[in-house]
């Protein structure tokens, strides 16, 4: 489990994740059809976004935040994240024994408009 920190309404830094097998080796994404980021918010809403594959053999995926993430559900607080890889005929979710955390805190400049 790892924690990614972001201030409310920020679009940087990019979320970059190394998908690892249970033996802590990089998961080979060469046959992946898609990778999705699923976020469960503090109010139990599930948001799904497509991620880009940055390194197939290194198992590295990325998600670039956009301003629409803030208008469509990402919330201040502890949001849980998982990553779903689809290949032909199979589905695998990372991490397989827990969740990563997206910790979103208030930005002082945005506090008046949240």
N, C-alpha and C. Protein backbone atom coordinates (compact mmCIF):
# COMPACT_ATOMS: atom_id res chain seq x y z
N UNK A 1 0.85 -1.18 0.00
CA UNK A 1 0.00 0.00 0.00
C UNK A 1 0.89 1.23 0.00
N UNK A 2 0.56 2.17 -0.88
CA UNK A 2 1.28 3.44 -0.89
C UNK A 2 0.28 4.58 -0.90
N UNK A 3 0.76 5.75 -0.51
CA UNK A 3 -0.09 6.93 -0.43
C UNK A 3 0.39 7.97 -1.42
N UNK A 4 -0.53 8.52 -2.21
CA UNK A 4 -0.25 9.59 -3.16
C UNK A 4 -0.94 10.83 -2.62
N UNK A 5 -0.20 11.92 -2.50
CA UNK A 5 -0.74 13.16 -1.93
C UNK A 5 -1.04 14.17 -3.03
N UNK A 6 -2.16 14.86 -2.88
CA UNK A 6 -2.58 15.85 -3.85
C UNK A 6 -3.41 16.90 -3.13
N UNK A 7 -3.22 18.16 -3.50
CA UNK A 7 -4.08 19.20 -2.95
C UNK A 7 -5.28 19.37 -3.86
N UNK A 8 -6.40 19.72 -3.25
CA UNK A 8 -7.66 19.85 -3.95
C UNK A 8 -7.52 20.75 -5.18
N UNK A 9 -7.98 20.26 -6.31
CA UNK A 9 -8.01 20.92 -7.61
C UNK A 9 -6.65 21.01 -8.31
N UNK A 10 -5.58 20.45 -7.74
CA UNK A 10 -4.30 20.40 -8.44
C UNK A 10 -4.35 19.36 -9.54
N UNK A 11 -3.61 19.58 -10.61
CA UNK A 11 -3.54 18.62 -11.71
C UNK A 11 -2.13 18.03 -11.86
N UNK A 12 -1.24 18.43 -10.99
CA UNK A 12 0.11 17.85 -10.93
C UNK A 12 0.42 17.55 -9.48
N UNK A 13 1.19 16.55 -9.17
CA UNK A 13 1.96 15.70 -10.06
C UNK A 13 1.11 14.58 -10.67
N UNK A 14 1.61 14.04 -11.77
CA UNK A 14 0.98 12.90 -12.41
C UNK A 14 1.07 11.70 -11.47
N UNK A 15 0.02 10.90 -11.44
CA UNK A 15 0.04 9.65 -10.67
C UNK A 15 0.79 8.61 -11.49
N UNK A 16 1.89 8.11 -10.96
CA UNK A 16 2.67 7.05 -11.63
C UNK A 16 2.78 5.88 -10.68
N UNK A 17 2.42 4.69 -11.17
CA UNK A 17 2.37 3.51 -10.33
C UNK A 17 3.08 2.36 -11.02
N UNK A 18 3.88 1.62 -10.26
CA UNK A 18 4.49 0.39 -10.75
C UNK A 18 3.63 -0.77 -10.26
N UNK A 19 3.03 -1.49 -11.20
CA UNK A 19 2.19 -2.63 -10.85
C UNK A 19 3.09 -3.84 -10.61
N UNK A 20 2.99 -4.38 -9.41
CA UNK A 20 3.87 -5.48 -9.01
C UNK A 20 3.08 -6.76 -8.76
N UNK A 21 3.70 -7.88 -9.08
CA UNK A 21 3.11 -9.19 -8.79
C UNK A 21 3.23 -9.46 -7.30
N UNK A 22 2.59 -10.51 -6.78
CA UNK A 22 2.73 -10.83 -5.36
C UNK A 22 4.18 -11.12 -4.93
N UNK A 23 5.05 -11.44 -5.89
CA UNK A 23 6.47 -11.67 -5.57
C UNK A 23 7.31 -10.40 -5.75
N UNK A 24 6.64 -9.26 -5.89
CA UNK A 24 7.28 -7.94 -6.01
C UNK A 24 8.09 -7.74 -7.28
N UNK A 25 7.74 -8.45 -8.35
CA UNK A 25 8.36 -8.20 -9.64
C UNK A 25 7.38 -7.41 -10.50
N UNK A 26 7.90 -6.68 -11.48
CA UNK A 26 7.05 -5.87 -12.34
C UNK A 26 6.10 -6.75 -13.14
N UNK A 27 4.85 -6.35 -13.21
CA UNK A 27 3.86 -7.07 -14.01
C UNK A 27 4.02 -6.64 -15.46
N UNK A 28 4.18 -7.60 -16.36
CA UNK A 28 4.37 -7.30 -17.78
C UNK A 28 3.03 -6.93 -18.41
N UNK A 29 2.94 -5.70 -18.90
CA UNK A 29 1.71 -5.17 -19.47
C UNK A 29 1.65 -5.30 -20.99
N UNK A 30 2.56 -6.07 -21.57
CA UNK A 30 2.63 -6.18 -23.04
C UNK A 30 1.33 -6.66 -23.66
N UNK A 31 0.58 -7.50 -22.98
CA UNK A 31 -0.67 -8.02 -23.54
C UNK A 31 -1.91 -7.30 -22.99
N UNK A 32 -1.71 -6.21 -22.26
CA UNK A 32 -2.84 -5.48 -21.68
C UNK A 32 -3.63 -4.75 -22.76
N UNK A 33 -4.94 -4.90 -22.71
CA UNK A 33 -5.83 -4.14 -23.59
C UNK A 33 -6.13 -2.77 -23.00
N UNK A 34 -6.21 -2.71 -21.66
CA UNK A 34 -6.47 -1.44 -20.98
C UNK A 34 -6.09 -1.55 -19.52
N UNK A 35 -5.86 -0.37 -18.93
CA UNK A 35 -5.61 -0.27 -17.49
C UNK A 35 -6.51 0.85 -16.98
N UNK A 36 -7.27 0.55 -15.94
CA UNK A 36 -8.18 1.55 -15.37
C UNK A 36 -7.82 1.84 -13.93
N UNK A 37 -7.95 3.10 -13.56
CA UNK A 37 -7.81 3.55 -12.18
C UNK A 37 -9.21 3.61 -11.60
N UNK A 38 -9.43 2.95 -10.47
CA UNK A 38 -10.71 3.02 -9.77
C UNK A 38 -10.47 3.69 -8.43
N UNK A 39 -11.25 4.72 -8.15
CA UNK A 39 -11.12 5.49 -6.91
C UNK A 39 -12.44 5.38 -6.15
N UNK A 40 -12.36 5.00 -4.88
CA UNK A 40 -13.54 5.03 -4.01
C UNK A 40 -13.38 6.22 -3.08
N UNK A 41 -14.31 7.14 -3.15
CA UNK A 41 -14.24 8.38 -2.38
C UNK A 41 -14.72 8.17 -0.94
N UNK A 42 -14.47 9.15 -0.06
CA UNK A 42 -14.96 9.03 1.32
C UNK A 42 -16.48 8.86 1.40
N UNK A 43 -17.22 9.34 0.40
CA UNK A 43 -18.68 9.17 0.41
C UNK A 43 -19.11 7.91 -0.35
N UNK A 44 -18.14 7.00 -0.62
CA UNK A 44 -18.39 5.69 -1.25
C UNK A 44 -18.85 5.75 -2.71
N UNK A 45 -18.47 6.81 -3.41
CA UNK A 45 -18.69 6.88 -4.85
C UNK A 45 -17.48 6.25 -5.53
N UNK A 46 -17.70 5.43 -6.55
CA UNK A 46 -16.58 4.83 -7.29
C UNK A 46 -16.42 5.57 -8.61
N UNK A 47 -15.21 6.08 -8.83
CA UNK A 47 -14.86 6.78 -10.07
C UNK A 47 -13.88 5.92 -10.85
N UNK A 48 -14.01 5.88 -12.16
CA UNK A 48 -13.09 5.09 -12.99
C UNK A 48 -12.50 5.97 -14.08
N UNK A 49 -11.20 5.83 -14.28
CA UNK A 49 -10.47 6.60 -15.28
C UNK A 49 -9.49 5.67 -15.99
N UNK A 50 -9.29 5.87 -17.29
CA UNK A 50 -8.29 5.09 -18.01
C UNK A 50 -6.90 5.64 -17.76
N UNK A 51 -5.95 4.74 -17.60
CA UNK A 51 -4.55 5.11 -17.38
C UNK A 51 -3.76 4.80 -18.65
N UNK A 52 -2.61 5.46 -18.80
CA UNK A 52 -1.74 5.15 -19.93
C UNK A 52 -0.61 4.24 -19.46
N UNK A 53 -0.18 3.37 -20.36
CA UNK A 53 0.94 2.49 -20.05
C UNK A 53 2.23 3.22 -20.40
N UNK A 54 3.06 3.43 -19.41
CA UNK A 54 4.32 4.15 -19.60
C UNK A 54 5.46 3.19 -19.92
N UNK A 55 5.49 2.03 -19.26
CA UNK A 55 6.50 1.01 -19.52
C UNK A 55 5.84 -0.36 -19.42
N UNK A 56 5.67 -1.01 -20.56
CA UNK A 56 5.01 -2.32 -20.58
C UNK A 56 5.77 -3.35 -19.76
N UNK A 57 7.07 -3.46 -19.99
CA UNK A 57 7.85 -4.48 -19.29
C UNK A 57 8.14 -4.09 -17.84
N UNK A 58 8.11 -2.80 -17.54
CA UNK A 58 8.34 -2.34 -16.17
C UNK A 58 7.08 -2.27 -15.34
N UNK A 59 5.91 -2.51 -15.98
CA UNK A 59 4.64 -2.48 -15.27
C UNK A 59 4.23 -1.10 -14.79
N UNK A 60 4.70 -0.05 -15.47
CA UNK A 60 4.44 1.31 -15.01
C UNK A 60 3.30 1.94 -15.79
N UNK A 61 2.32 2.45 -15.04
CA UNK A 61 1.17 3.14 -15.62
C UNK A 61 1.08 4.54 -15.04
N UNK A 62 0.42 5.42 -15.79
CA UNK A 62 0.29 6.82 -15.37
C UNK A 62 -1.13 7.31 -15.56
N UNK A 63 -1.49 8.26 -14.69
CA UNK A 63 -2.75 8.98 -14.86
C UNK A 63 -2.47 10.47 -14.69
N UNK A 64 -2.88 11.25 -15.68
CA UNK A 64 -2.74 12.71 -15.62
C UNK A 64 -4.06 13.30 -15.14
N UNK A 65 -4.02 13.95 -14.01
CA UNK A 65 -5.22 14.56 -13.43
C UNK A 65 -5.72 15.68 -14.34
N UNK A 66 -7.03 15.88 -14.37
CA UNK A 66 -7.60 16.98 -15.14
C UNK A 66 -8.57 17.76 -14.25
N UNK A 67 -8.92 18.94 -14.68
CA UNK A 67 -9.84 19.75 -13.88
C UNK A 67 -11.20 19.08 -13.73
N UNK A 68 -11.58 18.23 -14.69
CA UNK A 68 -12.87 17.54 -14.58
C UNK A 68 -12.88 16.49 -13.47
N UNK A 69 -11.70 16.02 -13.03
CA UNK A 69 -11.68 15.09 -11.89
C UNK A 69 -12.28 15.74 -10.65
N UNK A 70 -12.09 17.03 -10.52
CA UNK A 70 -12.57 17.74 -9.33
C UNK A 70 -14.05 18.07 -9.43
N UNK A 71 -14.57 18.18 -10.63
CA UNK A 71 -16.00 18.47 -10.77
C UNK A 71 -16.82 17.20 -10.89
N UNK A 72 -16.15 16.05 -11.04
CA UNK A 72 -16.90 14.80 -11.21
C UNK A 72 -16.67 13.80 -10.09
N UNK A 73 -16.18 14.28 -8.92
CA UNK A 73 -16.23 13.37 -7.81
C UNK A 73 -15.06 13.16 -6.89
N UNK A 74 -13.80 13.47 -7.29
CA UNK A 74 -12.69 13.27 -6.36
C UNK A 74 -12.91 14.20 -5.17
N UNK A 75 -12.75 13.67 -3.96
CA UNK A 75 -13.10 14.42 -2.76
C UNK A 75 -11.90 14.65 -1.85
N UNK A 76 -12.02 15.68 -1.02
CA UNK A 76 -11.04 15.91 0.04
C UNK A 76 -11.16 14.76 1.03
N UNK A 77 -10.01 14.25 1.47
CA UNK A 77 -10.00 13.14 2.41
C UNK A 77 -9.22 11.96 1.86
N UNK A 78 -9.44 10.80 2.44
CA UNK A 78 -8.75 9.57 2.06
C UNK A 78 -9.58 8.81 1.03
N UNK A 79 -9.13 8.83 -0.21
CA UNK A 79 -9.76 8.11 -1.30
C UNK A 79 -8.97 6.83 -1.53
N UNK A 80 -9.64 5.70 -1.70
CA UNK A 80 -8.96 4.43 -1.96
C UNK A 80 -8.80 4.23 -3.46
N UNK A 81 -7.65 3.67 -3.87
CA UNK A 81 -7.38 3.46 -5.30
C UNK A 81 -6.97 2.02 -5.57
N UNK A 82 -7.40 1.51 -6.74
CA UNK A 82 -6.91 0.24 -7.26
C UNK A 82 -6.78 0.39 -8.77
N UNK A 83 -6.03 -0.54 -9.37
CA UNK A 83 -5.71 -0.47 -10.79
C UNK A 83 -6.11 -1.78 -11.43
N UNK A 84 -6.95 -1.72 -12.46
CA UNK A 84 -7.49 -2.91 -13.10
C UNK A 84 -6.87 -3.08 -14.48
N UNK A 85 -6.24 -4.24 -14.70
CA UNK A 85 -5.63 -4.55 -15.99
C UNK A 85 -6.51 -5.58 -16.69
N UNK A 86 -6.91 -5.26 -17.92
CA UNK A 86 -7.68 -6.20 -18.73
C UNK A 86 -6.81 -6.68 -19.88
N UNK A 87 -6.75 -7.99 -20.04
CA UNK A 87 -6.10 -8.61 -21.19
C UNK A 87 -7.16 -9.46 -21.87
N UNK A 88 -6.83 -10.08 -22.97
CA UNK A 88 -7.79 -10.95 -23.63
C UNK A 88 -8.13 -12.12 -22.71
N UNK A 89 -9.35 -12.14 -22.23
CA UNK A 89 -9.82 -13.25 -21.40
C UNK A 89 -9.46 -13.20 -19.94
N UNK A 90 -8.82 -12.14 -19.45
CA UNK A 90 -8.50 -12.10 -18.02
C UNK A 90 -8.55 -10.68 -17.48
N UNK A 91 -8.67 -10.63 -16.16
CA UNK A 91 -8.74 -9.36 -15.42
C UNK A 91 -7.90 -9.54 -14.17
N UNK A 92 -7.08 -8.53 -13.86
CA UNK A 92 -6.26 -8.58 -12.67
C UNK A 92 -6.26 -7.20 -12.03
N UNK A 93 -6.42 -7.14 -10.72
CA UNK A 93 -6.49 -5.87 -10.00
C UNK A 93 -5.30 -5.74 -9.06
N UNK A 94 -4.71 -4.56 -9.03
CA UNK A 94 -3.55 -4.25 -8.19
C UNK A 94 -3.91 -3.14 -7.22
N UNK A 95 -3.32 -3.07 -6.05
CA UNK A 95 -2.64 -4.19 -5.41
C UNK A 95 -3.65 -5.27 -5.07
N UNK A 96 -3.21 -6.51 -4.98
CA UNK A 96 -4.16 -7.60 -4.80
C UNK A 96 -4.49 -7.91 -3.35
N UNK A 97 -3.86 -7.21 -2.39
CA UNK A 97 -4.14 -7.51 -0.99
C UNK A 97 -4.53 -6.26 -0.18
N UNK A 98 -4.65 -5.13 -0.84
CA UNK A 98 -4.99 -3.89 -0.14
C UNK A 98 -5.40 -2.85 -1.17
N UNK A 99 -5.33 -1.59 -0.81
CA UNK A 99 -5.60 -0.47 -1.71
C UNK A 99 -4.51 0.56 -1.54
N UNK A 100 -4.27 1.34 -2.58
CA UNK A 100 -3.44 2.52 -2.43
C UNK A 100 -4.36 3.65 -1.96
N UNK A 101 -3.77 4.68 -1.43
CA UNK A 101 -4.55 5.80 -0.90
C UNK A 101 -4.22 7.07 -1.67
N UNK A 102 -5.27 7.79 -2.06
CA UNK A 102 -5.14 9.12 -2.60
C UNK A 102 -5.57 10.07 -1.49
N UNK A 103 -4.60 10.76 -0.92
CA UNK A 103 -4.88 11.68 0.18
C UNK A 103 -5.00 13.09 -0.39
N UNK A 104 -6.21 13.63 -0.36
CA UNK A 104 -6.48 14.96 -0.91
C UNK A 104 -6.74 15.91 0.25
N UNK A 105 -5.98 16.99 0.28
CA UNK A 105 -6.17 17.99 1.33
C UNK A 105 -6.57 19.33 0.70
N UNK A 106 -7.14 20.20 1.53
CA UNK A 106 -7.58 21.51 1.07
C UNK A 106 -6.38 22.38 0.72
N UNK A 107 -6.51 23.09 -0.36
CA UNK A 107 -5.52 24.08 -0.77
C UNK A 107 -6.01 25.42 -0.22
N UNK A 108 -5.14 26.14 0.50
CA UNK A 108 -5.56 27.42 1.11
C UNK A 108 -6.18 28.37 0.09
N UNK A 109 -5.62 28.42 -1.11
CA UNK A 109 -6.13 29.34 -2.14
C UNK A 109 -7.51 28.91 -2.63
N UNK A 110 -7.85 27.64 -2.50
CA UNK A 110 -9.13 27.13 -2.97
C UNK A 110 -10.17 26.99 -1.85
N UNK A 111 -9.76 27.19 -0.61
CA UNK A 111 -10.65 26.93 0.54
C UNK A 111 -11.96 27.69 0.45
N UNK A 112 -11.94 28.88 -0.06
CA UNK A 112 -13.15 29.70 -0.13
C UNK A 112 -14.11 29.20 -1.19
N UNK A 113 -13.63 28.36 -2.12
CA UNK A 113 -14.50 27.94 -3.22
C UNK A 113 -14.82 26.46 -3.19
N UNK A 114 -14.47 25.74 -2.10
CA UNK A 114 -14.75 24.30 -2.04
C UNK A 114 -16.14 24.01 -1.58
